[in-house]
């Protein structure tokens, strides 16, 4: 992987003011909008499958909390919740290469290179282990940072 040089090409760069940066980002997003929708649909469908497998139903849990008036609800005792959180974390980790592919497609669009549907899955073909390690470490850091917001 020492010869990975897809990002060495210079694409269009916006001026250094807020309006042009936002316009440039929106133009890049418009170019790969359908691919982002495909990635989102994959994530939603697999999330639904996980929720079905674990038996965890967040809607009924919220409704039960609302009806009972019990705001000291213990989430970890909810049926299927620990398994749901574990499988959702694993899903996020395994879909990280898909999001890398989306970023790669945006870069190709910015450098005016033709985009293929298979580019969405480049993260699974190149640097998979590095992407998974990065996603795992990012998840741990995010979890620790979030817990530091709750624990004084």
N, C-alpha and C. Protein backbone atom coordinates (compact mmCIF):
# COMPACT_ATOMS: atom_id res chain seq x y z
N UNK A 1 0.81 -1.20 0.00
CA UNK A 1 0.00 0.00 0.00
C UNK A 1 0.85 1.26 0.00
N UNK A 2 2.15 1.13 -0.14
CA UNK A 2 3.00 2.31 -0.13
C UNK A 2 2.82 3.14 -1.39
N UNK A 3 2.15 2.60 -2.40
CA UNK A 3 1.96 3.34 -3.64
C UNK A 3 0.53 3.83 -3.80
N UNK A 4 -0.15 4.03 -2.72
CA UNK A 4 -1.52 4.56 -2.75
C UNK A 4 -1.42 6.06 -2.97
N UNK A 5 -1.73 6.51 -4.18
CA UNK A 5 -1.54 7.93 -4.51
C UNK A 5 -2.78 8.56 -5.14
N UNK A 6 -3.94 8.02 -4.84
CA UNK A 6 -5.16 8.57 -5.44
C UNK A 6 -5.45 9.99 -4.98
N UNK A 7 -4.98 10.36 -3.79
CA UNK A 7 -5.28 11.68 -3.26
C UNK A 7 -4.19 12.70 -3.56
N UNK A 8 -3.22 12.35 -4.38
CA UNK A 8 -2.17 13.29 -4.73
C UNK A 8 -2.59 14.30 -5.79
N UNK A 9 -3.63 14.00 -6.55
CA UNK A 9 -4.10 14.93 -7.57
C UNK A 9 -4.83 16.08 -6.90
N UNK A 10 -4.63 17.25 -7.43
CA UNK A 10 -5.27 18.44 -6.86
C UNK A 10 -6.58 18.71 -7.58
N UNK A 11 -7.67 18.77 -6.84
CA UNK A 11 -8.97 19.09 -7.40
C UNK A 11 -9.25 20.57 -7.26
N UNK A 12 -10.48 20.93 -7.47
CA UNK A 12 -10.87 22.33 -7.33
C UNK A 12 -10.88 22.70 -5.85
N UNK A 13 -10.35 23.85 -5.53
CA UNK A 13 -10.24 24.32 -4.16
C UNK A 13 -11.03 25.61 -4.04
N UNK A 14 -11.91 25.71 -3.03
CA UNK A 14 -12.70 26.94 -2.88
C UNK A 14 -11.86 28.08 -2.30
N UNK A 15 -12.37 29.29 -2.44
CA UNK A 15 -11.73 30.44 -1.80
C UNK A 15 -11.84 30.29 -0.30
N UNK A 16 -11.06 31.05 0.42
CA UNK A 16 -11.03 30.92 1.88
C UNK A 16 -12.05 31.82 2.56
N UNK A 17 -13.30 31.66 2.19
CA UNK A 17 -14.37 32.32 2.94
C UNK A 17 -15.50 31.31 3.12
N UNK A 18 -16.29 31.56 4.11
CA UNK A 18 -17.30 30.59 4.52
C UNK A 18 -18.27 30.23 3.40
N UNK A 19 -18.76 31.22 2.69
CA UNK A 19 -19.76 30.97 1.65
C UNK A 19 -19.24 30.08 0.54
N UNK A 20 -18.02 30.33 0.07
CA UNK A 20 -17.50 29.51 -1.02
C UNK A 20 -17.14 28.10 -0.55
N UNK A 21 -16.74 27.95 0.69
CA UNK A 21 -16.45 26.61 1.22
C UNK A 21 -17.73 25.79 1.31
N UNK A 22 -18.79 26.40 1.81
CA UNK A 22 -20.07 25.69 1.91
C UNK A 22 -20.61 25.38 0.52
N UNK A 23 -20.49 26.32 -0.41
CA UNK A 23 -20.95 26.07 -1.79
C UNK A 23 -20.17 24.93 -2.43
N UNK A 24 -18.86 24.92 -2.22
CA UNK A 24 -18.02 23.86 -2.78
C UNK A 24 -18.41 22.50 -2.19
N UNK A 25 -18.62 22.45 -0.87
CA UNK A 25 -19.01 21.20 -0.23
C UNK A 25 -20.36 20.71 -0.75
N UNK A 26 -21.28 21.64 -0.96
CA UNK A 26 -22.59 21.27 -1.47
C UNK A 26 -22.50 20.75 -2.91
N UNK A 27 -21.65 21.36 -3.71
CA UNK A 27 -21.44 20.89 -5.09
C UNK A 27 -20.85 19.48 -5.10
N UNK A 28 -19.92 19.20 -4.19
CA UNK A 28 -19.34 17.86 -4.10
C UNK A 28 -20.41 16.86 -3.68
N UNK A 29 -21.26 17.27 -2.74
CA UNK A 29 -22.31 16.38 -2.25
C UNK A 29 -23.33 16.09 -3.34
N UNK A 30 -23.67 17.09 -4.13
CA UNK A 30 -24.63 16.87 -5.22
C UNK A 30 -24.11 15.85 -6.22
N UNK A 31 -22.79 15.80 -6.40
CA UNK A 31 -22.20 14.88 -7.37
C UNK A 31 -22.29 13.42 -6.96
N UNK A 32 -22.35 13.15 -5.67
CA UNK A 32 -22.37 11.76 -5.20
C UNK A 32 -23.60 11.49 -4.32
N UNK A 33 -24.63 12.30 -4.48
CA UNK A 33 -25.83 12.21 -3.65
C UNK A 33 -26.45 10.82 -3.65
N UNK A 34 -26.61 10.24 -4.81
CA UNK A 34 -27.26 8.93 -4.89
C UNK A 34 -26.43 7.84 -4.23
N UNK A 35 -25.11 7.95 -4.31
CA UNK A 35 -24.26 6.97 -3.65
C UNK A 35 -24.36 7.11 -2.13
N UNK A 36 -24.50 8.33 -1.64
CA UNK A 36 -24.70 8.54 -0.20
C UNK A 36 -26.04 7.96 0.24
N UNK A 37 -27.04 8.08 -0.59
CA UNK A 37 -28.35 7.49 -0.28
C UNK A 37 -28.24 5.96 -0.23
N UNK A 38 -27.48 5.38 -1.14
CA UNK A 38 -27.29 3.92 -1.15
C UNK A 38 -26.60 3.48 0.14
N UNK A 39 -25.55 4.20 0.56
CA UNK A 39 -24.86 3.86 1.80
C UNK A 39 -25.80 3.98 3.00
N UNK A 40 -26.65 5.00 3.00
CA UNK A 40 -27.59 5.19 4.09
C UNK A 40 -28.63 4.06 4.11
N UNK A 41 -29.12 3.66 2.95
CA UNK A 41 -30.11 2.59 2.88
C UNK A 41 -29.51 1.27 3.38
N UNK A 42 -28.26 1.00 3.01
CA UNK A 42 -27.59 -0.21 3.49
C UNK A 42 -27.51 -0.19 5.01
N UNK A 43 -27.14 0.96 5.57
CA UNK A 43 -27.01 1.07 7.02
C UNK A 43 -28.36 0.91 7.71
N UNK A 44 -29.40 1.53 7.18
CA UNK A 44 -30.73 1.44 7.79
C UNK A 44 -31.26 0.01 7.72
N UNK A 45 -31.11 -0.65 6.57
CA UNK A 45 -31.60 -2.02 6.43
C UNK A 45 -30.89 -2.97 7.37
N UNK A 46 -29.57 -2.85 7.44
CA UNK A 46 -28.83 -3.74 8.35
C UNK A 46 -29.14 -3.41 9.81
N UNK A 47 -29.36 -2.14 10.13
CA UNK A 47 -29.78 -1.77 11.48
C UNK A 47 -31.13 -2.37 11.83
N UNK A 48 -32.03 -2.38 10.86
CA UNK A 48 -33.35 -2.99 11.08
C UNK A 48 -33.21 -4.49 11.30
N UNK A 49 -32.34 -5.13 10.54
CA UNK A 49 -32.12 -6.57 10.71
C UNK A 49 -31.57 -6.85 12.11
N UNK A 50 -30.63 -6.03 12.57
CA UNK A 50 -30.08 -6.20 13.91
C UNK A 50 -31.16 -6.02 14.97
N UNK A 51 -32.00 -5.01 14.79
CA UNK A 51 -33.07 -4.79 15.75
C UNK A 51 -34.05 -5.96 15.76
N UNK A 52 -34.30 -6.54 14.62
CA UNK A 52 -35.20 -7.70 14.53
C UNK A 52 -34.56 -8.93 15.18
N UNK A 53 -33.28 -9.15 14.94
CA UNK A 53 -32.59 -10.32 15.49
C UNK A 53 -32.52 -10.24 17.01
N UNK A 54 -32.20 -9.08 17.55
CA UNK A 54 -32.02 -8.95 18.99
C UNK A 54 -33.34 -8.86 19.74
N UNK A 55 -34.40 -8.50 19.06
CA UNK A 55 -35.70 -8.35 19.72
C UNK A 55 -35.85 -7.03 20.45
N UNK A 56 -34.92 -6.14 20.26
CA UNK A 56 -34.99 -4.84 20.92
C UNK A 56 -35.87 -3.91 20.10
N UNK A 57 -36.83 -3.29 20.75
CA UNK A 57 -37.73 -2.37 20.07
C UNK A 57 -37.69 -1.04 20.80
N UNK A 58 -36.97 -0.10 20.24
CA UNK A 58 -36.78 1.20 20.90
C UNK A 58 -38.08 1.97 21.01
N UNK A 59 -38.95 1.83 20.03
CA UNK A 59 -40.22 2.55 20.06
C UNK A 59 -41.10 2.11 21.22
N UNK A 60 -41.19 0.81 21.42
CA UNK A 60 -42.02 0.31 22.53
C UNK A 60 -41.39 0.63 23.87
N UNK A 61 -40.05 0.67 23.94
CA UNK A 61 -39.39 1.02 25.19
C UNK A 61 -39.68 2.47 25.57
N UNK A 62 -39.61 3.37 24.61
CA UNK A 62 -39.90 4.78 24.88
C UNK A 62 -41.36 4.95 25.27
N UNK A 63 -42.24 4.24 24.59
CA UNK A 63 -43.67 4.32 24.92
C UNK A 63 -43.93 3.78 26.33
N UNK A 64 -43.27 2.70 26.69
CA UNK A 64 -43.42 2.14 28.03
C UNK A 64 -42.93 3.11 29.10
N UNK A 65 -41.81 3.78 28.83
CA UNK A 65 -41.29 4.76 29.78
C UNK A 65 -42.25 5.94 29.92
N UNK A 66 -42.81 6.38 28.81
CA UNK A 66 -43.73 7.51 28.83
C UNK A 66 -45.00 7.19 29.60
N UNK A 67 -45.54 6.01 29.39
CA UNK A 67 -46.78 5.61 30.06
C UNK A 67 -46.59 5.39 31.55
N UNK A 68 -45.44 4.82 31.94
CA UNK A 68 -45.22 4.51 33.34
C UNK A 68 -44.78 5.73 34.14
N UNK A 69 -44.22 6.73 33.47
CA UNK A 69 -43.71 7.91 34.17
C UNK A 69 -42.41 7.64 34.89
N UNK A 70 -41.81 6.49 34.64
CA UNK A 70 -40.55 6.13 35.29
C UNK A 70 -39.39 6.66 34.47
N UNK A 71 -38.77 7.73 34.95
CA UNK A 71 -37.67 8.33 34.21
C UNK A 71 -36.32 7.82 34.71
N UNK A 72 -36.33 6.93 35.67
CA UNK A 72 -35.10 6.29 36.14
C UNK A 72 -34.98 4.91 35.51
N UNK A 73 -35.32 4.82 34.26
CA UNK A 73 -35.35 3.56 33.53
C UNK A 73 -33.93 3.07 33.30
N UNK A 74 -33.68 1.78 33.56
CA UNK A 74 -32.37 1.18 33.35
C UNK A 74 -32.35 0.54 31.95
N UNK A 75 -31.66 1.19 31.03
CA UNK A 75 -31.62 0.72 29.64
C UNK A 75 -30.99 -0.65 29.51
N UNK A 76 -29.97 -0.92 30.31
CA UNK A 76 -29.24 -2.18 30.17
C UNK A 76 -30.08 -3.38 30.57
N UNK A 77 -31.18 -3.16 31.30
CA UNK A 77 -32.07 -4.26 31.65
C UNK A 77 -33.19 -4.46 30.64
N UNK A 78 -33.26 -3.60 29.65
CA UNK A 78 -34.27 -3.75 28.61
C UNK A 78 -33.96 -5.01 27.79
N UNK A 79 -34.98 -5.76 27.42
CA UNK A 79 -34.73 -7.01 26.69
C UNK A 79 -34.02 -6.77 25.36
N UNK A 80 -32.88 -7.42 25.19
CA UNK A 80 -32.15 -7.35 23.94
C UNK A 80 -31.26 -6.13 23.77
N UNK A 81 -31.27 -5.20 24.72
CA UNK A 81 -30.51 -3.95 24.54
C UNK A 81 -29.00 -4.18 24.52
N UNK A 82 -28.40 -4.94 25.45
CA UNK A 82 -26.94 -5.13 25.39
C UNK A 82 -26.49 -5.78 24.08
N UNK A 83 -27.23 -6.77 23.61
CA UNK A 83 -26.88 -7.41 22.34
C UNK A 83 -27.06 -6.44 21.17
N UNK A 84 -28.10 -5.62 21.24
CA UNK A 84 -28.35 -4.63 20.19
C UNK A 84 -27.21 -3.62 20.11
N UNK A 85 -26.75 -3.14 21.26
CA UNK A 85 -25.64 -2.17 21.27
C UNK A 85 -24.37 -2.81 20.73
N UNK A 86 -24.11 -4.06 21.12
CA UNK A 86 -22.92 -4.76 20.64
C UNK A 86 -22.96 -4.95 19.12
N UNK A 87 -24.08 -5.44 18.61
CA UNK A 87 -24.18 -5.68 17.17
C UNK A 87 -24.21 -4.38 16.38
N UNK A 88 -24.79 -3.33 16.93
CA UNK A 88 -24.79 -2.04 16.25
C UNK A 88 -23.38 -1.47 16.16
N UNK A 89 -22.60 -1.63 17.22
CA UNK A 89 -21.21 -1.20 17.18
C UNK A 89 -20.41 -1.98 16.16
N UNK A 90 -20.66 -3.28 16.10
CA UNK A 90 -19.98 -4.12 15.10
C UNK A 90 -20.39 -3.72 13.69
N UNK A 91 -21.67 -3.39 13.50
CA UNK A 91 -22.15 -2.94 12.19
C UNK A 91 -21.45 -1.63 11.79
N UNK A 92 -21.37 -0.71 12.72
CA UNK A 92 -20.68 0.55 12.43
C UNK A 92 -19.23 0.34 12.05
N UNK A 93 -18.59 -0.60 12.73
CA UNK A 93 -17.20 -0.92 12.42
C UNK A 93 -17.07 -1.55 11.03
N UNK A 94 -17.98 -2.46 10.70
CA UNK A 94 -17.90 -3.15 9.41
C UNK A 94 -18.35 -2.27 8.24
N UNK A 95 -19.10 -1.22 8.50
CA UNK A 95 -19.52 -0.32 7.42
C UNK A 95 -18.59 0.88 7.26
N UNK A 96 -17.60 1.01 8.11
CA UNK A 96 -16.64 2.11 7.98
C UNK A 96 -15.97 2.12 6.59
N UNK A 97 -15.56 0.97 6.03
CA UNK A 97 -14.98 1.01 4.68
C UNK A 97 -15.95 1.53 3.61
N UNK A 98 -17.25 1.35 3.83
CA UNK A 98 -18.23 1.89 2.89
C UNK A 98 -18.20 3.41 2.89
N UNK A 99 -18.06 4.00 4.07
CA UNK A 99 -17.98 5.47 4.17
C UNK A 99 -16.65 5.99 3.63
N UNK A 100 -15.60 5.19 3.77
CA UNK A 100 -14.32 5.55 3.15
C UNK A 100 -14.48 5.59 1.63
N UNK A 101 -15.21 4.62 1.10
CA UNK A 101 -15.47 4.60 -0.34
C UNK A 101 -16.25 5.82 -0.78
N UNK A 102 -17.18 6.28 0.05
CA UNK A 102 -17.95 7.49 -0.27
C UNK A 102 -17.03 8.71 -0.31
N UNK A 103 -16.11 8.80 0.64
CA UNK A 103 -15.14 9.90 0.64
C UNK A 103 -14.25 9.82 -0.59
N UNK A 104 -13.85 8.62 -0.97
CA UNK A 104 -13.03 8.42 -2.16
C UNK A 104 -13.78 8.88 -3.42
N UNK A 105 -15.08 8.58 -3.47
CA UNK A 105 -15.88 9.01 -4.62
C UNK A 105 -15.99 10.52 -4.69
N UNK A 106 -16.11 11.17 -3.55
CA UNK A 106 -16.16 12.64 -3.53
C UNK A 106 -14.84 13.20 -4.04
N UNK A 107 -13.74 12.58 -3.64
CA UNK A 107 -12.44 13.05 -4.14
C UNK A 107 -12.34 12.85 -5.65
N UNK A 108 -12.81 11.71 -6.15
CA UNK A 108 -12.77 11.50 -7.60
C UNK A 108 -13.65 12.50 -8.33
N UNK A 109 -14.79 12.82 -7.76
CA UNK A 109 -15.68 13.82 -8.37
C UNK A 109 -15.01 15.19 -8.38
N UNK A 110 -14.31 15.51 -7.31
CA UNK A 110 -13.63 16.80 -7.21
C UNK A 110 -12.49 16.92 -8.22
N UNK A 111 -11.80 15.82 -8.49
CA UNK A 111 -10.69 15.85 -9.45
C UNK A 111 -11.15 15.54 -10.88
N UNK A 112 -12.46 15.50 -11.09
CA UNK A 112 -13.08 15.30 -12.41
C UNK A 112 -12.74 13.94 -13.02
N UNK A 113 -12.52 12.93 -12.18
CA UNK A 113 -12.32 11.56 -12.66
C UNK A 113 -13.68 10.86 -12.73
N UNK A 114 -13.84 9.91 -13.65
CA UNK A 114 -15.12 9.20 -13.73
C UNK A 114 -15.35 8.33 -12.48
N UNK A 115 -16.59 8.29 -12.04
CA UNK A 115 -16.96 7.55 -10.84
C UNK A 115 -17.65 6.25 -11.25
N UNK A 116 -17.25 5.16 -10.62
CA UNK A 116 -17.88 3.85 -10.80
C UNK A 116 -18.62 3.47 -9.53
N UNK A 117 -19.65 2.64 -9.68
CA UNK A 117 -20.35 2.15 -8.49
C UNK A 117 -19.41 1.34 -7.60
N UNK A 118 -18.46 0.64 -8.21
CA UNK A 118 -17.52 -0.19 -7.44
C UNK A 118 -16.59 0.67 -6.58
N UNK A 119 -16.48 1.96 -6.88
CA UNK A 119 -15.66 2.85 -6.05
C UNK A 119 -16.22 2.97 -4.64
N UNK A 120 -17.50 2.73 -4.48
CA UNK A 120 -18.12 2.79 -3.17
C UNK A 120 -17.53 1.72 -2.24
N UNK A 121 -17.01 0.65 -2.80
CA UNK A 121 -16.50 -0.47 -2.01
C UNK A 121 -14.98 -0.55 -2.00
N UNK A 122 -14.30 0.55 -2.35
CA UNK A 122 -12.83 0.53 -2.39
C UNK A 122 -12.23 0.32 -1.01
N UNK A 123 -12.94 0.73 0.02
CA UNK A 123 -12.43 0.54 1.38
C UNK A 123 -12.32 -0.93 1.77
N UNK A 124 -13.10 -1.79 1.13
CA UNK A 124 -13.01 -3.22 1.39
C UNK A 124 -11.89 -3.87 0.59
N UNK A 125 -11.44 -3.21 -0.48
CA UNK A 125 -10.38 -3.76 -1.33
C UNK A 125 -9.00 -3.23 -0.95
N UNK A 126 -8.93 -2.01 -0.47
CA UNK A 126 -7.64 -1.40 -0.14
C UNK A 126 -7.64 -0.93 1.31
N UNK A 127 -6.60 -1.25 2.03
CA UNK A 127 -6.38 -0.78 3.40
C UNK A 127 -7.50 -1.17 4.36
N UNK A 128 -8.10 -2.32 4.18
CA UNK A 128 -9.22 -2.74 5.02
C UNK A 128 -8.83 -2.79 6.50
N UNK A 129 -7.70 -3.41 6.80
CA UNK A 129 -7.29 -3.55 8.20
C UNK A 129 -7.04 -2.18 8.83
N UNK A 130 -6.39 -1.30 8.09
CA UNK A 130 -6.13 0.05 8.62
C UNK A 130 -7.43 0.80 8.88
N UNK A 131 -8.37 0.66 7.98
CA UNK A 131 -9.67 1.34 8.14
C UNK A 131 -10.41 0.79 9.36
N UNK A 132 -10.40 -0.53 9.54
CA UNK A 132 -11.08 -1.13 10.68
C UNK A 132 -10.42 -0.72 12.00
N UNK A 133 -9.09 -0.68 12.03
CA UNK A 133 -8.39 -0.25 13.24
C UNK A 133 -8.72 1.20 13.55
N UNK A 134 -8.70 2.05 12.53
CA UNK A 134 -9.03 3.46 12.73
C UNK A 134 -10.47 3.63 13.23
N UNK A 135 -11.40 2.89 12.64
CA UNK A 135 -12.80 2.98 13.06
C UNK A 135 -12.96 2.50 14.50
N UNK A 136 -12.26 1.44 14.86
CA UNK A 136 -12.33 0.91 16.22
C UNK A 136 -11.78 1.93 17.22
N UNK A 137 -10.61 2.48 16.92
CA UNK A 137 -10.02 3.48 17.83
C UNK A 137 -10.86 4.75 17.90
N UNK A 138 -11.44 5.16 16.79
CA UNK A 138 -12.31 6.33 16.80
C UNK A 138 -13.55 6.08 17.66
N UNK A 139 -14.08 4.87 17.59
CA UNK A 139 -15.23 4.52 18.43
C UNK A 139 -14.89 4.54 19.90
N UNK A 140 -13.73 4.02 20.26
CA UNK A 140 -13.31 4.03 21.66
C UNK A 140 -13.10 5.46 22.14
N UNK A 141 -12.42 6.28 21.34
CA UNK A 141 -12.17 7.67 21.73
C UNK A 141 -13.48 8.44 21.86
N UNK A 142 -14.41 8.21 20.94
CA UNK A 142 -15.71 8.89 21.01
C UNK A 142 -16.49 8.46 22.24
N UNK A 143 -16.44 7.17 22.57
CA UNK A 143 -17.14 6.68 23.75
C UNK A 143 -16.56 7.27 25.03
N UNK A 144 -15.24 7.31 25.12
CA UNK A 144 -14.60 7.90 26.30
C UNK A 144 -14.93 9.39 26.38
N UNK A 145 -14.88 10.10 25.26
CA UNK A 145 -15.18 11.53 25.27
C UNK A 145 -16.62 11.79 25.68
N UNK A 146 -17.54 10.98 25.19
CA UNK A 146 -18.95 11.13 25.56
C UNK A 146 -19.17 10.83 27.03
N UNK A 147 -18.50 9.80 27.53
CA UNK A 147 -18.67 9.47 28.96
C UNK A 147 -18.07 10.56 29.85
N UNK A 148 -17.05 11.24 29.37
CA UNK A 148 -16.49 12.34 30.15
C UNK A 148 -17.42 13.54 30.21
N UNK A 149 -18.35 13.63 29.27
CA UNK A 149 -19.36 14.70 29.31
C UNK A 149 -20.42 14.40 30.35
N UNK A 150 -20.63 13.12 30.64
CA UNK A 150 -21.67 12.72 31.58
C UNK A 150 -21.13 12.61 33.00
N UNK A 151 -19.96 11.99 33.13
CA UNK A 151 -19.34 11.81 34.45
C UNK A 151 -18.55 13.07 34.78
N UNK A 152 -18.89 13.74 35.90
CA UNK A 152 -18.17 14.99 36.22
C UNK A 152 -16.73 14.76 36.63
